[in-house]
PDB file of N, CA and C in Angstrom:
ATOM      1  N   UNK A   1      63.509  77.984  98.943  1.00  0.00           N
ATOM      2  CA  UNK A   1      64.286  79.174  98.635  1.00  0.00           C
ATOM      3  C   UNK A   1      64.072  80.177  99.777  1.00  0.00           C
ATOM      4  N   UNK A   2      65.136  80.828 100.150  1.00  0.00           N
ATOM      5  CA  UNK A   2      65.060  81.810 101.247  1.00  0.00           C
ATOM      6  C   UNK A   2      64.601  83.160 100.751  1.00  0.00           C
ATOM      7  N   UNK A   3      64.017  83.934 101.671  1.00  0.00           N
ATOM      8  CA  UNK A   3      63.574  85.280 101.407  1.00  0.00           C
ATOM      9  C   UNK A   3      64.351  86.226 102.282  1.00  0.00           C
ATOM     10  N   UNK A   4      64.719  87.390 101.718  1.00  0.00           N
ATOM     11  CA  UNK A   4      65.408  88.397 102.472  1.00  0.00           C
ATOM     12  C   UNK A   4      64.610  89.672 102.428  1.00  0.00           C
ATOM     13  N   UNK A   5      64.345  90.271 103.578  1.00  0.00           N
ATOM     14  CA  UNK A   5      63.590  91.490 103.647  1.00  0.00           C
ATOM     15  C   UNK A   5      64.488  92.675 103.269  1.00  0.00           C
ATOM     16  N   UNK A   6      63.926  93.592 102.482  1.00  0.00           N
ATOM     17  CA  UNK A   6      64.594  94.829 102.118  1.00  0.00           C
ATOM     18  C   UNK A   6      63.963  95.947 102.901  1.00  0.00           C
ATOM     19  N   UNK A   7      64.784  96.742 103.590  1.00  0.00           N
ATOM     20  CA  UNK A   7      64.277  97.852 104.365  1.00  0.00           C
ATOM     21  C   UNK A   7      65.229  99.035 104.217  1.00  0.00           C
ATOM     22  N   UNK A   8      64.719 100.229 103.954  1.00  0.00           N
ATOM     23  CA  UNK A   8      65.500 101.430 103.906  1.00  0.00           C
ATOM     24  C   UNK A   8      64.700 102.586 104.467  1.00  0.00           C
ATOM     25  N   UNK A   9      65.402 103.478 105.133  1.00  0.00           N
ATOM     26  CA  UNK A   9      64.752 104.693 105.647  1.00  0.00           C
ATOM     27  C   UNK A   9      64.642 105.744 104.540  1.00  0.00           C
ATOM     28  N   UNK A  10      65.227 105.489 103.337  1.00  0.00           N
ATOM     29  CA  UNK A  10      65.146 106.411 102.228  1.00  0.00           C
ATOM     30  C   UNK A  10      63.839 106.285 101.451  1.00  0.00           C
ATOM     31  N   UNK A  11      62.979 105.395 101.858  1.00  0.00           N
ATOM     32  CA  UNK A  11      61.639 105.269 101.292  1.00  0.00           C
ATOM     33  C   UNK A  11      60.662 105.148 102.457  1.00  0.00           C
ATOM     34  N   UNK A  12      59.403 105.451 102.209  1.00  0.00           N
ATOM     35  CA  UNK A  12      58.433 105.346 103.332  1.00  0.00           C
ATOM     36  C   UNK A  12      58.393 103.956 103.909  1.00  0.00           C
ATOM     37  N   UNK A  13      58.242 103.864 105.225  1.00  0.00           N
ATOM     38  CA  UNK A  13      58.116 102.596 105.883  1.00  0.00           C
ATOM     39  C   UNK A  13      56.760 101.980 105.548  1.00  0.00           C
ATOM     40  N   UNK A  14      56.643 100.712 105.709  1.00  0.00           N
ATOM     41  CA  UNK A  14      55.387 100.010 105.447  1.00  0.00           C
ATOM     42  C   UNK A  14      54.301 100.553 106.372  1.00  0.00           C
ATOM     43  N   UNK A  15      53.105 100.774 105.791  1.00  0.00           N
ATOM     44  CA  UNK A  15      52.002 101.259 106.578  1.00  0.00           C
ATOM     45  C   UNK A  15      51.005 100.128 106.883  1.00  0.00           C
ATOM     46  N   UNK A  16      51.535  98.909 106.810  1.00  0.00           N
ATOM     47  CA  UNK A  16      50.725  97.716 107.089  1.00  0.00           C
ATOM     48  C   UNK A  16      51.664  96.542 107.272  1.00  0.00           C
ATOM     49  N   UNK A  17      51.104  95.352 107.294  1.00  0.00           N
ATOM     50  CA  UNK A  17      51.912  94.137 107.516  1.00  0.00           C
ATOM     51  C   UNK A  17      52.570  93.637 106.216  1.00  0.00           C
ATOM     52  N   UNK A  18      53.533  94.373 105.759  1.00  0.00           N
ATOM     53  CA  UNK A  18      54.270  93.996 104.558  1.00  0.00           C
ATOM     54  C   UNK A  18      55.681  94.600 104.590  1.00  0.00           C
ATOM     55  N   UNK A  19      56.536  94.121 103.688  1.00  0.00           N
ATOM     56  CA  UNK A  19      57.905  94.609 103.564  1.00  0.00           C
ATOM     57  C   UNK A  19      58.012  95.571 102.390  1.00  0.00           C
ATOM     58  N   UNK A  20      58.981  96.496 102.454  1.00  0.00           N
ATOM     59  CA  UNK A  20      59.202  97.366 101.302  1.00  0.00           C
ATOM     60  C   UNK A  20      59.518  96.565 100.050  1.00  0.00           C
ATOM     61  N   UNK A  21      60.256  95.491 100.246  1.00  0.00           N
ATOM     62  CA  UNK A  21      60.590  94.584  99.139  1.00  0.00           C
ATOM     63  C   UNK A  21      61.076  93.271  99.726  1.00  0.00           C
ATOM     64  N   UNK A  22      61.060  92.257  98.917  1.00  0.00           N
ATOM     65  CA  UNK A  22      61.588  90.933  99.279  1.00  0.00           C
ATOM     66  C   UNK A  22      62.543  90.485  98.168  1.00  0.00           C
ATOM     67  N   UNK A  23      63.689  89.978  98.567  1.00  0.00           N
ATOM     68  CA  UNK A  23      64.613  89.356  97.641  1.00  0.00           C
ATOM     69  C   UNK A  23      64.408  87.854  97.741  1.00  0.00           C
ATOM     70  N   UNK A  24      64.168  87.218  96.605  1.00  0.00           N
ATOM     71  CA  UNK A  24      64.049  85.770  96.528  1.00  0.00           C
ATOM     72  C   UNK A  24      64.873  85.313  95.361  1.00  0.00           C
ATOM     73  N   UNK A  25      65.916  84.584  95.636  1.00  0.00           N
ATOM     74  CA  UNK A  25      66.819  84.174  94.556  1.00  0.00           C
ATOM     75  C   UNK A  25      67.456  85.398  93.928  1.00  0.00           C
ATOM     76  N   UNK A  26      67.381  85.534  92.607  1.00  0.00           N
ATOM     77  CA  UNK A  26      67.940  86.648  91.884  1.00  0.00           C
ATOM     78  C   UNK A  26      66.908  87.789  91.688  1.00  0.00           C
ATOM     79  N   UNK A  27      65.723  87.654  92.257  1.00  0.00           N
ATOM     80  CA  UNK A  27      64.649  88.600  91.977  1.00  0.00           C
ATOM     81  C   UNK A  27      64.333  89.450  93.213  1.00  0.00           C
ATOM     82  N   UNK A  28      63.984  90.693  92.921  1.00  0.00           N
ATOM     83  CA  UNK A  28      63.534  91.661  93.930  1.00  0.00           C
ATOM     84  C   UNK A  28      62.085  91.998  93.595  1.00  0.00           C
ATOM     85  N   UNK A  29      61.193  91.824  94.589  1.00  0.00           N
ATOM     86  CA  UNK A  29      59.774  92.114  94.412  1.00  0.00           C
ATOM     87  C   UNK A  29      59.463  93.283  95.325  1.00  0.00           C
ATOM     88  N   UNK A  30      59.180  94.453  94.720  1.00  0.00           N
ATOM     89  CA  UNK A  30      58.868  95.597  95.567  1.00  0.00           C
ATOM     90  C   UNK A  30      57.404  95.602  95.919  1.00  0.00           C
ATOM     91  N   UNK A  31      57.072  96.169  97.064  1.00  0.00           N
ATOM     92  CA  UNK A  31      55.715  96.527  97.374  1.00  0.00           C
ATOM     93  C   UNK A  31      55.400  97.783  96.568  1.00  0.00           C
ATOM     94  N   UNK A  32      54.127  98.055  96.416  1.00  0.00           N
ATOM     95  CA  UNK A  32      53.726  99.282  95.721  1.00  0.00           C
ATOM     96  C   UNK A  32      54.199 100.513  96.491  1.00  0.00           C
ATOM     97  N   UNK A  33      54.669 101.467  95.748  1.00  0.00           N
ATOM     98  CA  UNK A  33      55.110 102.740  96.328  1.00  0.00           C
ATOM     99  C   UNK A  33      54.142 103.833  95.876  1.00  0.00           C
ATOM    100  N   UNK A  34      53.797 104.652  96.843  1.00  0.00           N
ATOM    101  CA  UNK A  34      52.983 105.837  96.577  1.00  0.00           C
ATOM    102  C   UNK A  34      53.806 107.063  96.806  1.00  0.00           C
ATOM    103  N   UNK A  35      53.228 108.233  96.584  1.00  0.00           N
ATOM    104  CA  UNK A  35      53.989 109.485  96.617  1.00  0.00           C
ATOM    105  C   UNK A  35      54.221 110.075  98.005  1.00  0.00           C
ATOM    106  N   UNK A  36      54.509 109.233  98.992  1.00  0.00           N
ATOM    107  CA  UNK A  36      54.844 109.718 100.323  1.00  0.00           C
ATOM    108  C   UNK A  36      56.294 110.095 100.403  1.00  0.00           C
ATOM    109  N   UNK A  37      56.564 111.256 100.965  1.00  0.00           N
ATOM    110  CA  UNK A  37      57.925 111.694 101.197  1.00  0.00           C
ATOM    111  C   UNK A  37      58.414 111.010 102.471  1.00  0.00           C
ATOM    112  N   UNK A  38      59.504 110.205 102.395  1.00  0.00           N
ATOM    113  CA  UNK A  38      59.947 109.476 103.555  1.00  0.00           C
ATOM    114  C   UNK A  38      60.446 110.381 104.706  1.00  0.00           C
ATOM    115  N   UNK A  39      60.877 111.563 104.382  1.00  0.00           N
ATOM    116  CA  UNK A  39      61.377 112.476 105.407  1.00  0.00           C
ATOM    117  C   UNK A  39      60.253 113.136 106.225  1.00  0.00           C
ATOM    118  N   UNK A  40      59.136 113.379 105.560  1.00  0.00           N
ATOM    119  CA  UNK A  40      58.062 114.101 106.237  1.00  0.00           C
ATOM    120  C   UNK A  40      56.816 113.227 106.499  1.00  0.00           C
ATOM    121  N   UNK A  41      56.699 112.139 105.752  1.00  0.00           N
ATOM    122  CA  UNK A  41      55.529 111.304 105.871  1.00  0.00           C
ATOM    123  C   UNK A  41      54.310 111.897 105.168  1.00  0.00           C
ATOM    124  N   UNK A  42      54.523 113.021 104.457  1.00  0.00           N
ATOM    125  CA  UNK A  42      53.418 113.681 103.759  1.00  0.00           C
ATOM    126  C   UNK A  42      53.355 113.276 102.321  1.00  0.00           C
ATOM    127  N   UNK A  43      52.136 113.278 101.760  1.00  0.00           N
ATOM    128  CA  UNK A  43      51.897 112.933 100.366  1.00  0.00           C
ATOM    129  C   UNK A  43      52.296 114.142  99.507  1.00  0.00           C
ATOM    130  N   UNK A  44      53.019 113.897  98.423  1.00  0.00           N
ATOM    131  CA  UNK A  44      53.306 114.944  97.465  1.00  0.00           C
ATOM    132  C   UNK A  44      51.999 115.440  96.888  1.00  0.00           C
ATOM    133  N   UNK A  45      51.958 116.701  96.497  1.00  0.00           N
ATOM    134  CA  UNK A  45      50.714 117.310  95.983  1.00  0.00           C
ATOM    135  C   UNK A  45      50.689 117.250  94.457  1.00  0.00           C
ATOM    136  N   UNK A  46      49.633 116.681  93.925  1.00  0.00           N
ATOM    137  CA  UNK A  46      49.454 116.666  92.498  1.00  0.00           C
ATOM    138  C   UNK A  46      50.007 115.393  91.870  1.00  0.00           C
ATOM    139  N   UNK A  47      49.493 115.060  90.726  1.00  0.00           N
ATOM    140  CA  UNK A  47      49.857 113.820  90.035  1.00  0.00           C
ATOM    141  C   UNK A  47      51.350 113.747  89.667  1.00  0.00           C
ATOM    142  N   UNK A  48      51.876 114.802  89.079  1.00  0.00           N
ATOM    143  CA  UNK A  48      53.289 114.766  88.637  1.00  0.00           C
ATOM    144  C   UNK A  48      54.204 114.643  89.829  1.00  0.00           C
ATOM    145  N   UNK A  49      53.971 115.410  90.886  1.00  0.00           N
ATOM    146  CA  UNK A  49      54.809 115.326  92.100  1.00  0.00           C
ATOM    147  C   UNK A  49      54.687 113.978  92.746  1.00  0.00           C
ATOM    148  N   UNK A  50      53.500 113.407  92.793  1.00  0.00           N
ATOM    149  CA  UNK A  50      53.343 112.072  93.379  1.00  0.00           C
ATOM    150  C   UNK A  50      54.092 111.031  92.555  1.00  0.00           C
ATOM    151  N   UNK A  51      54.004 111.121  91.238  1.00  0.00           N
ATOM    152  CA  UNK A  51      54.656 110.145  90.361  1.00  0.00           C
ATOM    153  C   UNK A  51      56.174 110.264  90.515  1.00  0.00           C
ATOM    154  N   UNK A  52      56.701 111.481  90.583  1.00  0.00           N
ATOM    155  CA  UNK A  52      58.151 111.654  90.799  1.00  0.00           C
ATOM    156  C   UNK A  52      58.557 111.055  92.117  1.00  0.00           C
ATOM    157  N   UNK A  53      57.777 111.268  93.155  1.00  0.00           N
ATOM    158  CA  UNK A  53      58.126 110.748  94.496  1.00  0.00           C
ATOM    159  C   UNK A  53      58.058 109.209  94.475  1.00  0.00           C
ATOM    160  N   UNK A  54      57.097 108.660  93.780  1.00  0.00           N
ATOM    161  CA  UNK A  54      56.982 107.198  93.655  1.00  0.00           C
ATOM    162  C   UNK A  54      58.288 106.648  93.095  1.00  0.00           C
ATOM    163  N   UNK A  55      58.819 107.256  92.052  1.00  0.00           N
ATOM    164  CA  UNK A  55      60.037 106.757  91.457  1.00  0.00           C
ATOM    165  C   UNK A  55      61.242 106.967  92.377  1.00  0.00           C
ATOM    166  N   UNK A  56      61.265 108.069  93.082  1.00  0.00           N
ATOM    167  CA  UNK A  56      62.328 108.269  94.096  1.00  0.00           C
ATOM    168  C   UNK A  56      62.286 107.161  95.122  1.00  0.00           C
ATOM    169  N   UNK A  57      61.107 106.820  95.590  1.00  0.00           N
ATOM    170  CA  UNK A  57      60.952 105.772  96.593  1.00  0.00           C
ATOM    171  C   UNK A  57      61.367 104.425  96.007  1.00  0.00           C
ATOM    172  N   UNK A  58      60.969 104.141  94.764  1.00  0.00           N
ATOM    173  CA  UNK A  58      61.348 102.877  94.131  1.00  0.00           C
ATOM    174  C   UNK A  58      62.884 102.777  93.964  1.00  0.00           C
ATOM    175  N   UNK A  59      63.505 103.876  93.547  1.00  0.00           N
ATOM    176  CA  UNK A  59      64.954 103.871  93.417  1.00  0.00           C
ATOM    177  C   UNK A  59      65.641 103.560  94.746  1.00  0.00           C
ATOM    178  N   UNK A  60      65.092 104.110  95.834  1.00  0.00           N
ATOM    179  CA  UNK A  60      65.695 103.875  97.171  1.00  0.00           C
ATOM    180  C   UNK A  60      65.530 102.416  97.581  1.00  0.00           C
ATOM    181  N   UNK A  61      64.351 101.857  97.359  1.00  0.00           N
ATOM    182  CA  UNK A  61      64.114 100.458  97.710  1.00  0.00           C
ATOM    183  C   UNK A  61      65.008  99.529  96.869  1.00  0.00           C
ATOM    184  N   UNK A  62      65.100  99.816  95.582  1.00  0.00           N
ATOM    185  CA  UNK A  62      65.945  98.992  94.719  1.00  0.00           C
ATOM    186  C   UNK A  62      67.410  99.102  95.117  1.00  0.00           C
ATOM    187  N   UNK A  63      67.860 100.300  95.452  1.00  0.00           N
ATOM    188  CA  UNK A  63      69.258 100.483  95.874  1.00  0.00           C
ATOM    189  C   UNK A  63      69.539  99.672  97.123  1.00  0.00           C
ATOM    190  N   UNK A  64      68.590  99.693  98.064  1.00  0.00           N
ATOM    191  CA  UNK A  64      68.776  98.907  99.292  1.00  0.00           C
ATOM    192  C   UNK A  64      68.841  97.397  98.990  1.00  0.00           C
ATOM    193  N   UNK A  65      68.264  97.004  97.872  1.00  0.00           N
ATOM    194  CA  UNK A  65      68.286  95.598  97.470  1.00  0.00           C
ATOM    195  C   UNK A  65      69.492  95.297  96.557  1.00  0.00           C
ATOM    196  N   UNK A  66      70.289  96.307  96.279  1.00  0.00           N
ATOM    197  CA  UNK A  66      71.448  96.104  95.393  1.00  0.00           C
ATOM    198  C   UNK A  66      71.133  96.138  93.916  1.00  0.00           C
ATOM    199  N   UNK A  67      70.055  96.862  93.573  1.00  0.00           N
ATOM    200  CA  UNK A  67      69.618  96.963  92.162  1.00  0.00           C
ATOM    201  C   UNK A  67      69.438  98.439  91.793  1.00  0.00           C
ATOM    202  N   UNK A  68      69.094  98.644  90.553  1.00  0.00           N
ATOM    203  CA  UNK A  68      68.745  99.952  90.061  1.00  0.00           C
ATOM    204  C   UNK A  68      67.569  99.850  89.094  1.00  0.00           C
ATOM    205  N   UNK A  69      67.119 100.971  88.637  1.00  0.00           N
ATOM    206  CA  UNK A  69      65.968 100.961  87.718  1.00  0.00           C
ATOM    207  C   UNK A  69      66.299 100.169  86.417  1.00  0.00           C
ATOM    208  N   UNK A  70      67.552 100.096  86.064  1.00  0.00           N
ATOM    209  CA  UNK A  70      67.915  99.336  84.856  1.00  0.00           C
ATOM    210  C   UNK A  70      67.748  97.817  85.046  1.00  0.00           C
ATOM    211  N   UNK A  71      67.553  97.394  86.281  1.00  0.00           N
ATOM    212  CA  UNK A  71      67.347  95.949  86.580  1.00  0.00           C
ATOM    213  C   UNK A  71      65.863  95.586  86.588  1.00  0.00           C
ATOM    214  N   UNK A  72      64.979  96.555  86.443  1.00  0.00           N
ATOM    215  CA  UNK A  72      63.554  96.299  86.487  1.00  0.00           C
ATOM    216  C   UNK A  72      63.116  95.546  85.231  1.00  0.00           C
ATOM    217  N   UNK A  73      62.395  94.445  85.428  1.00  0.00           N
ATOM    218  CA  UNK A  73      61.924  93.660  84.284  1.00  0.00           C
ATOM    219  C   UNK A  73      60.397  93.726  84.135  1.00  0.00           C
ATOM    220  N   UNK A  74      59.682  94.159  85.204  1.00  0.00           N
ATOM    221  CA  UNK A  74      58.243  94.238  85.155  1.00  0.00           C
ATOM    222  C   UNK A  74      57.780  95.321  86.083  1.00  0.00           C
ATOM    223  N   UNK A  75      56.861  96.168  85.634  1.00  0.00           N
ATOM    224  CA  UNK A  75      56.262  97.198  86.464  1.00  0.00           C
ATOM    225  C   UNK A  75      54.738  97.090  86.363  1.00  0.00           C
ATOM    226  N   UNK A  76      54.101  97.406  87.474  1.00  0.00           N
ATOM    227  CA  UNK A  76      52.632  97.506  87.478  1.00  0.00           C
ATOM    228  C   UNK A  76      52.282  98.870  88.016  1.00  0.00           C
ATOM    229  N   UNK A  77      51.499  99.573  87.219  1.00  0.00           N
ATOM    230  CA  UNK A  77      51.080 100.958  87.554  1.00  0.00           C
ATOM    231  C   UNK A  77      49.590 100.943  87.892  1.00  0.00           C
ATOM    232  N   UNK A  78      49.256 101.444  89.060  1.00  0.00           N
ATOM    233  CA  UNK A  78      47.884 101.556  89.520  1.00  0.00           C
ATOM    234  C   UNK A  78      47.519 103.033  89.500  1.00  0.00           C
ATOM    235  N   UNK A  79      46.480 103.384  88.786  1.00  0.00           N
ATOM    236  CA  UNK A  79      46.039 104.782  88.636  1.00  0.00           C
ATOM    237  C   UNK A  79      44.662 104.960  89.217  1.00  0.00           C
ATOM    238  N   UNK A  80      44.478 106.054  89.933  1.00  0.00           N
ATOM    239  CA  UNK A  80      43.147 106.377  90.432  1.00  0.00           C
ATOM    240  C   UNK A  80      42.234 106.755  89.263  1.00  0.00           C
ATOM    241  N   UNK A  81      42.833 107.380  88.219  1.00  0.00           N
ATOM    242  CA  UNK A  81      42.073 107.797  87.054  1.00  0.00           C
ATOM    243  C   UNK A  81      42.861 107.493  85.781  1.00  0.00           C
ATOM    244  N   UNK A  82      42.335 106.662  84.916  1.00  0.00           N
ATOM    245  CA  UNK A  82      43.037 106.299  83.693  1.00  0.00           C
ATOM    246  C   UNK A  82      43.287 107.475  82.795  1.00  0.00           C
ATOM    247  N   UNK A  83      42.570 108.590  82.992  1.00  0.00           N
ATOM    248  CA  UNK A  83      42.830 109.794  82.224  1.00  0.00           C
ATOM    249  C   UNK A  83      44.232 110.359  82.533  1.00  0.00           C
ATOM    250  N   UNK A  84      44.843 109.906  83.629  1.00  0.00           N
ATOM    251  CA  UNK A  84      46.185 110.378  84.007  1.00  0.00           C
ATOM    252  C   UNK A  84      47.280 109.536  83.336  1.00  0.00           C
ATOM    253  N   UNK A  85      46.912 108.552  82.547  1.00  0.00           N
ATOM    254  CA  UNK A  85      47.861 107.644  81.922  1.00  0.00           C
ATOM    255  C   UNK A  85      48.955 108.372  81.166  1.00  0.00           C
ATOM    256  N   UNK A  86      48.585 109.350  80.335  1.00  0.00           N
ATOM    257  CA  UNK A  86      49.556 110.040  79.505  1.00  0.00           C
ATOM    258  C   UNK A  86      50.566 110.833  80.372  1.00  0.00           C
ATOM    259  N   UNK A  87      50.091 111.502  81.414  1.00  0.00           N
ATOM    260  CA  UNK A  87      50.978 112.286  82.282  1.00  0.00           C
ATOM    261  C   UNK A  87      51.928 111.359  83.040  1.00  0.00           C
ATOM    262  N   UNK A  88      51.418 110.285  83.592  1.00  0.00           N
ATOM    263  CA  UNK A  88      52.268 109.331  84.287  1.00  0.00           C
ATOM    264  C   UNK A  88      53.253 108.681  83.316  1.00  0.00           C
ATOM    265  N   UNK A  89      52.813 108.383  82.115  1.00  0.00           N
ATOM    266  CA  UNK A  89      53.655 107.747  81.129  1.00  0.00           C
ATOM    267  C   UNK A  89      54.838 108.662  80.748  1.00  0.00           C
ATOM    268  N   UNK A  90      54.625 109.965  80.707  1.00  0.00           N
ATOM    269  CA  UNK A  90      55.700 110.896  80.389  1.00  0.00           C
ATOM    270  C   UNK A  90      56.816 110.830  81.429  1.00  0.00           C
ATOM    271  N   UNK A  91      56.437 110.758  82.686  1.00  0.00           N
ATOM    272  CA  UNK A  91      57.429 110.675  83.776  1.00  0.00           C
ATOM    273  C   UNK A  91      58.019 109.268  83.797  1.00  0.00           C
ATOM    274  N   UNK A  92      57.220 108.265  83.608  1.00  0.00           N
ATOM    275  CA  UNK A  92      57.657 106.872  83.572  1.00  0.00           C
ATOM    276  C   UNK A  92      58.769 106.698  82.515  1.00  0.00           C
ATOM    277  N   UNK A  93      58.553 107.254  81.350  1.00  0.00           N
ATOM    278  CA  UNK A  93      59.498 107.131  80.242  1.00  0.00           C
ATOM    279  C   UNK A  93      60.884 107.690  80.604  1.00  0.00           C
ATOM    280  N   UNK A  94      60.916 108.711  81.445  1.00  0.00           N
ATOM    281  CA  UNK A  94      62.189 109.296  81.887  1.00  0.00           C
ATOM    282  C   UNK A  94      62.953 108.398  82.855  1.00  0.00           C
ATOM    283  N   UNK A  95      62.316 107.417  83.433  1.00  0.00           N
ATOM    284  CA  UNK A  95      62.912 106.598  84.473  1.00  0.00           C
ATOM    285  C   UNK A  95      63.635 105.345  83.932  1.00  0.00           C
ATOM    286  N   UNK A  96      63.299 104.969  82.701  1.00  0.00           N
ATOM    287  CA  UNK A  96      63.831 103.744  82.144  1.00  0.00           C
ATOM    288  C   UNK A  96      64.443 104.009  80.765  1.00  0.00           C
ATOM    289  N   UNK A  97      65.422 103.143  80.418  1.00  0.00           N
ATOM    290  CA  UNK A  97      66.008 103.157  79.081  1.00  0.00           C
ATOM    291  C   UNK A  97      65.513 101.905  78.362  1.00  0.00           C
ATOM    292  N   UNK A  98      65.612 101.930  77.055  1.00  0.00           N
ATOM    293  CA  UNK A  98      65.227 100.749  76.306  1.00  0.00           C
ATOM    294  C   UNK A  98      66.249  99.643  76.533  1.00  0.00           C
ATOM    295  N   UNK A  99      65.876  98.399  76.558  1.00  0.00           N
ATOM    296  CA  UNK A  99      64.511  97.944  76.398  1.00  0.00           C
ATOM    297  C   UNK A  99      63.711  98.194  77.700  1.00  0.00           C
ATOM    298  N   UNK A 100      62.531  98.765  77.501  1.00  0.00           N
ATOM    299  CA  UNK A 100      61.679  99.071  78.640  1.00  0.00           C
ATOM    300  C   UNK A 100      61.183  97.766  79.322  1.00  0.00           C
ATOM    301  N   UNK A 101      60.907  97.866  80.631  1.00  0.00           N
ATOM    302  CA  UNK A 101      60.350  96.679  81.290  1.00  0.00           C
ATOM    303  C   UNK A 101      58.956  96.371  80.774  1.00  0.00           C
ATOM    304  N   UNK A 102      58.539  95.133  80.922  1.00  0.00           N
ATOM    305  CA  UNK A 102      57.134  94.805  80.684  1.00  0.00           C
ATOM    306  C   UNK A 102      56.322  95.612  81.695  1.00  0.00           C
ATOM    307  N   UNK A 103      55.068  95.900  81.347  1.00  0.00           N
ATOM    308  CA  UNK A 103      54.273  96.749  82.222  1.00  0.00           C
ATOM    309  C   UNK A 103      52.783  96.470  82.073  1.00  0.00           C
ATOM    310  N   UNK A 104      52.096  96.632  83.188  1.00  0.00           N
ATOM    311  CA  UNK A 104      50.629  96.671  83.188  1.00  0.00           C
ATOM    312  C   UNK A 104      50.239  97.991  83.826  1.00  0.00           C
ATOM    313  N   UNK A 105      49.107  98.541  83.377  1.00  0.00           N
ATOM    314  CA  UNK A 105      48.567  99.749  83.984  1.00  0.00           C
ATOM    315  C   UNK A 105      47.081  99.549  84.146  1.00  0.00           C
ATOM    316  N   UNK A 106      46.591  99.767  85.350  1.00  0.00           N
ATOM    317  CA  UNK A 106      45.183  99.579  85.612  1.00  0.00           C
ATOM    318  C   UNK A 106      44.639 100.729  86.427  1.00  0.00           C
ATOM    319  N   UNK A 107      43.350 101.009  86.195  1.00  0.00           N
ATOM    320  CA  UNK A 107      42.655 102.003  87.015  1.00  0.00           C
ATOM    321  C   UNK A 107      41.998 101.255  88.195  1.00  0.00           C
ATOM    322  N   UNK A 108      42.133 101.865  89.366  1.00  0.00           N
ATOM    323  CA  UNK A 108      41.586 101.257  90.576  1.00  0.00           C
ATOM    324  C   UNK A 108      40.664 102.247  91.243  1.00  0.00           C
ATOM    325  N   UNK A 109      39.771 101.732  92.098  1.00  0.00           N
ATOM    326  CA  UNK A 109      38.783 102.583  92.765  1.00  0.00           C
ATOM    327  C   UNK A 109      39.438 103.501  93.804  1.00  0.00           C
ATOM    328  N   UNK A 110      40.434 102.981  94.495  1.00  0.00           N
ATOM    329  CA  UNK A 110      41.058 103.791  95.548  1.00  0.00           C
ATOM    330  C   UNK A 110      42.422 103.203  95.884  1.00  0.00           C
ATOM    331  N   UNK A 111      43.344 104.105  96.253  1.00  0.00           N
ATOM    332  CA  UNK A 111      44.695 103.679  96.631  1.00  0.00           C
ATOM    333  C   UNK A 111      44.937 104.114  98.076  1.00  0.00           C
ATOM    334  N   UNK A 112      45.957 103.495  98.743  1.00  0.00           N
ATOM    335  CA  UNK A 112      46.255 103.897 100.112  1.00  0.00           C
ATOM    336  C   UNK A 112      46.522 105.397 100.212  1.00  0.00           C
ATOM    337  N   UNK A 113      46.022 105.957 101.310  1.00  0.00           N
ATOM    338  CA  UNK A 113      46.190 107.399 101.603  1.00  0.00           C
ATOM    339  C   UNK A 113      45.655 108.300 100.491  1.00  0.00           C
ATOM    340  N   UNK A 114      44.715 107.730  99.718  1.00  0.00           N
ATOM    341  CA  UNK A 114      44.094 108.450  98.591  1.00  0.00           C
ATOM    342  C   UNK A 114      45.125 108.915  97.547  1.00  0.00           C
ATOM    343  N   UNK A 115      46.174 108.150  97.392  1.00  0.00           N
ATOM    344  CA  UNK A 115      47.200 108.437  96.349  1.00  0.00           C
ATOM    345  C   UNK A 115      46.552 108.453  94.963  1.00  0.00           C
ATOM    346  N   UNK A 116      47.182 109.150  94.071  1.00  0.00           N
ATOM    347  CA  UNK A 116      46.698 109.200  92.681  1.00  0.00           C
ATOM    348  C   UNK A 116      47.372 108.120  91.817  1.00  0.00           C
ATOM    349  N   UNK A 117      48.545 107.639  92.307  1.00  0.00           N
ATOM    350  CA  UNK A 117      49.298 106.625  91.547  1.00  0.00           C
ATOM    351  C   UNK A 117      50.069 105.787  92.531  1.00  0.00           C
ATOM    352  N   UNK A 118      50.218 104.512  92.163  1.00  0.00           N
ATOM    353  CA  UNK A 118      51.019 103.554  92.936  1.00  0.00           C
ATOM    354  C   UNK A 118      51.743 102.673  91.906  1.00  0.00           C
ATOM    355  N   UNK A 119      53.004 102.388  92.143  1.00  0.00           N
ATOM    356  CA  UNK A 119      53.775 101.554  91.207  1.00  0.00           C
ATOM    357  C   UNK A 119      54.542 100.538  92.005  1.00  0.00           C
ATOM    358  N   UNK A 120      54.520  99.276  91.515  1.00  0.00           N
ATOM    359  CA  UNK A 120      55.345  98.190  92.070  1.00  0.00           C
ATOM    360  C   UNK A 120      56.203  97.649  90.953  1.00  0.00           C
ATOM    361  N   UNK A 121      57.349  97.078  91.289  1.00  0.00           N
ATOM    362  CA  UNK A 121      58.261  96.565  90.268  1.00  0.00           C
ATOM    363  C   UNK A 121      58.813  95.193  90.707  1.00  0.00           C
ATOM    364  N   UNK A 122      59.250  94.490  89.695  1.00  0.00           N
ATOM    365  CA  UNK A 122      60.043  93.260  89.881  1.00  0.00           C
ATOM    366  C   UNK A 122      61.363  93.527  89.157  1.00  0.00           C
ATOM    367  N   UNK A 123      62.467  93.290  89.849  1.00  0.00           N
ATOM    368  CA  UNK A 123      63.809  93.493  89.277  1.00  0.00           C
ATOM    369  C   UNK A 123      64.601  92.207  89.401  1.00  0.00           C
ATOM    370  N   UNK A 124      65.552  92.077  88.510  1.00  0.00           N
ATOM    371  CA  UNK A 124      66.480  90.911  88.584  1.00  0.00           C
ATOM    372  C   UNK A 124      67.877  91.423  88.912  1.00  0.00           C
ATOM    373  N   UNK A 125      68.435  90.882  89.979  1.00  0.00           N
ATOM    374  CA  UNK A 125      69.750  91.304  90.380  1.00  0.00           C
ATOM    375  C   UNK A 125      70.769  90.854  89.364  1.00  0.00           C
ATOM    376  N   UNK A 126      71.602  91.790  88.941  1.00  0.00           N
ATOM    377  CA  UNK A 126      72.604  91.505  87.918  1.00  0.00           C
ATOM    378  C   UNK A 126      73.725  90.617  88.450  1.00  0.00           C
TER     379      UNK A 126
END
């Protein structure tokens, strides 16, 4: 099966040896997105602002792949502090309609650029 690289300037560029997303068959696999503003390269300040920027970045990557948030079937949320789960969940809930994607949420010791939240998704192209 072939792989197609997804790249957009509307989301932060990769800060390592990876792609923003890969299309394989009918599926889009995004890399984790953190709260970096693609225009400035700066991290959004605070949990809510970072989470909102994460979703903006994910929407941009998915759009470049020909998808939208409604095509997401699985999300993985990485939190620096599990105590932030409720706050992130409130913003997360605004991004999706029912049926919600499957999801995992885990607390991690550290995220790139000391982000407070990182989210990756898998979407199925309609």
